[in-house]
C-alpha atoms as a PDB file:
ATOM      1  CA  UNK A   1       3.525 -24.758  15.359  1.00  0.00           C
ATOM      2  CA  UNK A   2       1.577 -27.056  13.122  1.00  0.00           C
ATOM      3  CA  UNK A   3       2.056 -31.003  13.764  1.00  0.00           C
ATOM      4  CA  UNK A   4       2.273 -32.943  10.707  1.00  0.00           C
ATOM      5  CA  UNK A   5       2.113 -36.809  10.307  1.00  0.00           C
ATOM      6  CA  UNK A   6       2.858 -38.688   7.234  1.00  0.00           C
ATOM      7  CA  UNK A   7       1.172 -41.941   6.068  1.00  0.00           C
ATOM      8  CA  UNK A   8       0.539 -44.190   2.990  1.00  0.00           C
ATOM      9  CA  UNK A   9       4.045 -45.349   1.929  1.00  0.00           C
ATOM     10  CA  UNK A  10       4.787 -48.932   1.112  1.00  0.00           C
ATOM     11  CA  UNK A  11       6.257 -51.496  -1.366  1.00  0.00           C
ATOM     12  CA  UNK A  12       5.226 -51.059  -4.996  1.00  0.00           C
ATOM     13  CA  UNK A  13       6.585 -52.439  -8.184  1.00  0.00           C
ATOM     14  CA  UNK A  14       7.867 -50.164 -10.942  1.00  0.00           C
ATOM     15  CA  UNK A  15       5.134 -48.370 -12.834  1.00  0.00           C
ATOM     16  CA  UNK A  16       2.832 -48.688  -9.931  1.00  0.00           C
ATOM     17  CA  UNK A  17       0.982 -45.863  -7.811  1.00  0.00           C
ATOM     18  CA  UNK A  18       0.730 -44.823  -4.174  1.00  0.00           C
ATOM     19  CA  UNK A  19      -0.988 -41.856  -2.512  1.00  0.00           C
ATOM     20  CA  UNK A  20       0.875 -40.388   0.437  1.00  0.00           C
ATOM     21  CA  UNK A  21      -1.047 -38.459   3.263  1.00  0.00           C
ATOM     22  CA  UNK A  22      -0.086 -35.618   5.327  1.00  0.00           C
ATOM     23  CA  UNK A  23      -2.419 -34.845   8.218  1.00  0.00           C
ATOM     24  CA  UNK A  24      -1.995 -31.477   9.895  1.00  0.00           C
ATOM     25  CA  UNK A  25      -3.181 -30.359  13.390  1.00  0.00           C
ATOM     26  CA  UNK A  26      -4.859 -27.270  12.102  1.00  0.00           C
ATOM     27  CA  UNK A  27      -6.595 -26.064   8.778  1.00  0.00           C
ATOM     28  CA  UNK A  28      -4.210 -26.663   6.043  1.00  0.00           C
ATOM     29  CA  UNK A  29      -5.374 -23.585   3.877  1.00  0.00           C
ATOM     30  CA  UNK A  30      -4.366 -21.636   6.844  1.00  0.00           C
ATOM     31  CA  UNK A  31      -0.733 -22.660   6.215  1.00  0.00           C
ATOM     32  CA  UNK A  32       0.972 -20.642   3.573  1.00  0.00           C
ATOM     33  CA  UNK A  33       3.182 -23.083   2.102  1.00  0.00           C
ATOM     34  CA  UNK A  34       3.556 -26.879   2.444  1.00  0.00           C
ATOM     35  CA  UNK A  35       5.733 -29.253   0.563  1.00  0.00           C
ATOM     36  CA  UNK A  36       6.823 -32.983   0.204  1.00  0.00           C
ATOM     37  CA  UNK A  37      10.453 -33.681   0.478  1.00  0.00           C
ATOM     38  CA  UNK A  38      12.242 -36.915   0.016  1.00  0.00           C
ATOM     39  CA  UNK A  39      15.575 -38.472   1.176  1.00  0.00           C
ATOM     40  CA  UNK A  40      17.143 -41.659  -0.229  1.00  0.00           C
ATOM     41  CA  UNK A  41      20.084 -43.431   1.619  1.00  0.00           C
ATOM     42  CA  UNK A  42      23.200 -41.642   1.108  1.00  0.00           C
ATOM     43  CA  UNK A  43      21.597 -38.617  -0.698  1.00  0.00           C
ATOM     44  CA  UNK A  44      20.539 -35.161   0.516  1.00  0.00           C
ATOM     45  CA  UNK A  45      16.876 -34.439   1.283  1.00  0.00           C
ATOM     46  CA  UNK A  46      15.209 -32.757  -1.836  1.00  0.00           C
ATOM     47  CA  UNK A  47      11.882 -31.067  -2.426  1.00  0.00           C
ATOM     48  CA  UNK A  48       9.510 -33.258  -4.494  1.00  0.00           C
ATOM     49  CA  UNK A  49       6.369 -31.017  -4.719  1.00  0.00           C
ATOM     50  CA  UNK A  50       4.957 -27.789  -2.807  1.00  0.00           C
ATOM     51  CA  UNK A  51       1.583 -26.005  -2.712  1.00  0.00           C
ATOM     52  CA  UNK A  52       0.636 -22.623  -1.495  1.00  0.00           C
ATOM     53  CA  UNK A  53      -2.296 -21.672   0.447  1.00  0.00           C
ATOM     54  CA  UNK A  54      -3.676 -20.027  -2.852  1.00  0.00           C
ATOM     55  CA  UNK A  55      -3.090 -23.451  -4.618  1.00  0.00           C
ATOM     56  CA  UNK A  56      -0.035 -22.639  -6.729  1.00  0.00           C
ATOM     57  CA  UNK A  57       2.041 -25.878  -7.147  1.00  0.00           C
ATOM     58  CA  UNK A  58       5.532 -26.533  -7.944  1.00  0.00           C
ATOM     59  CA  UNK A  59       7.250 -29.768  -8.794  1.00  0.00           C
ATOM     60  CA  UNK A  60      10.831 -31.193  -9.070  1.00  0.00           C
ATOM     61  CA  UNK A  61      11.665 -31.922 -12.605  1.00  0.00           C
ATOM     62  CA  UNK A  62      12.248 -35.518 -11.840  1.00  0.00           C
ATOM     63  CA  UNK A  63       8.442 -36.050 -10.989  1.00  0.00           C
ATOM     64  CA  UNK A  64       6.649 -33.578 -13.069  1.00  0.00           C
ATOM     65  CA  UNK A  65       3.847 -35.215 -15.015  1.00  0.00           C
ATOM     66  CA  UNK A  66       3.922 -38.219 -12.658  1.00  0.00           C
ATOM     67  CA  UNK A  67       3.213 -36.687  -9.122  1.00  0.00           C
ATOM     68  CA  UNK A  68       0.307 -34.479  -8.069  1.00  0.00           C
ATOM     69  CA  UNK A  69       0.064 -32.478  -4.788  1.00  0.00           C
ATOM     70  CA  UNK A  70      -3.383 -31.598  -3.498  1.00  0.00           C
ATOM     71  CA  UNK A  71      -5.039 -30.698  -0.234  1.00  0.00           C
ATOM     72  CA  UNK A  72      -8.382 -31.469   1.410  1.00  0.00           C
ATOM     73  CA  UNK A  73      -9.270 -28.775   4.005  1.00  0.00           C
ATOM     74  CA  UNK A  74     -12.213 -30.722   5.412  1.00  0.00           C
ATOM     75  CA  UNK A  75      -9.667 -33.425   6.371  1.00  0.00           C
ATOM     76  CA  UNK A  76      -6.869 -31.224   7.192  1.00  0.00           C
ATOM     77  CA  UNK A  77      -4.777 -33.397   5.071  1.00  0.00           C
ATOM     78  CA  UNK A  78      -2.461 -32.904   2.152  1.00  0.00           C
ATOM     79  CA  UNK A  79      -1.704 -35.638  -0.462  1.00  0.00           C
ATOM     80  CA  UNK A  80       0.828 -36.605  -2.857  1.00  0.00           C
ATOM     81  CA  UNK A  81      -0.511 -38.854  -5.650  1.00  0.00           C
ATOM     82  CA  UNK A  82       2.443 -40.647  -7.308  1.00  0.00           C
ATOM     83  CA  UNK A  83       2.040 -42.617 -10.552  1.00  0.00           C
ATOM     84  CA  UNK A  84       4.439 -44.284 -12.872  1.00  0.00           C
ATOM     85  CA  UNK A  85       6.780 -44.981 -10.007  1.00  0.00           C
ATOM     86  CA  UNK A  86      10.424 -45.814 -10.650  1.00  0.00           C
ATOM     87  CA  UNK A  87      12.903 -47.435  -8.485  1.00  0.00           C
ATOM     88  CA  UNK A  88      14.807 -43.940  -8.373  1.00  0.00           C
ATOM     89  CA  UNK A  89      11.680 -42.829  -6.271  1.00  0.00           C
ATOM     90  CA  UNK A  90      12.340 -44.971  -3.543  1.00  0.00           C
ATOM     91  CA  UNK A  91      13.074 -42.821  -0.519  1.00  0.00           C
ATOM     92  CA  UNK A  92      11.785 -41.776   2.863  1.00  0.00           C
ATOM     93  CA  UNK A  93       8.960 -39.044   2.146  1.00  0.00           C
ATOM     94  CA  UNK A  94       8.462 -36.124   4.457  1.00  0.00           C
ATOM     95  CA  UNK A  95       5.814 -33.453   4.554  1.00  0.00           C
ATOM     96  CA  UNK A  96       6.467 -29.933   6.043  1.00  0.00           C
ATOM     97  CA  UNK A  97       5.625 -26.293   6.169  1.00  0.00           C
ATOM     98  CA  UNK A  98       7.621 -23.469   5.751  1.00  0.00           C
ATOM     99  CA  UNK A  99       8.457 -22.929   9.467  1.00  0.00           C
ATOM    100  CA  UNK A 100       9.530 -26.542   9.812  1.00  0.00           C
ATOM    101  CA  UNK A 101      11.614 -26.533   6.673  1.00  0.00           C
ATOM    102  CA  UNK A 102      13.366 -23.362   7.819  1.00  0.00           C
ATOM    103  CA  UNK A 103      13.920 -24.764  11.298  1.00  0.00           C
ATOM    104  CA  UNK A 104      15.159 -28.068  10.010  1.00  0.00           C
ATOM    105  CA  UNK A 105      12.442 -29.764  12.084  1.00  0.00           C
ATOM    106  CA  UNK A 106      11.003 -32.947  10.429  1.00  0.00           C
ATOM    107  CA  UNK A 107       8.622 -35.844  11.234  1.00  0.00           C
ATOM    108  CA  UNK A 108       9.336 -39.445  10.953  1.00  0.00           C
ATOM    109  CA  UNK A 109       8.248 -39.740   7.268  1.00  0.00           C
ATOM    110  CA  UNK A 110       6.916 -42.655   5.330  1.00  0.00           C
ATOM    111  CA  UNK A 111       8.885 -45.118   3.411  1.00  0.00           C
ATOM    112  CA  UNK A 112       8.376 -45.668  -0.288  1.00  0.00           C
ATOM    113  CA  UNK A 113      10.092 -48.487  -1.994  1.00  0.00           C
ATOM    114  CA  UNK A 114       9.778 -49.153  -5.778  1.00  0.00           C
ATOM    115  CA  UNK A 115      10.886 -52.645  -6.869  1.00  0.00           C
ATOM    116  CA  UNK A 116      12.386 -53.099 -10.118  1.00  0.00           C
END
């Protein structure tokens, strides 16, 4: 099973930007489906953005137009570029592949906090 490590979270003001990274233990273009999820305190984990090995992307309505998911095969890394951040974007962000999602196997995540 691929190992994934999230990084890049932090504290940012409303309207600011952050780029999250998800480094994989293998060639990311060999992974059929990868996604970013987030979970805020007291809320269910939700899908934020996803990307397939063919480059098809999908976004939650709440982040469409503000977030961009991408991958760099040379670095075995998937990114989530987040712009125009809002306090409601504050959450623990996770990356995962389809197998990890289906088996409910999650990493430690990276914390994003947006101050108002």
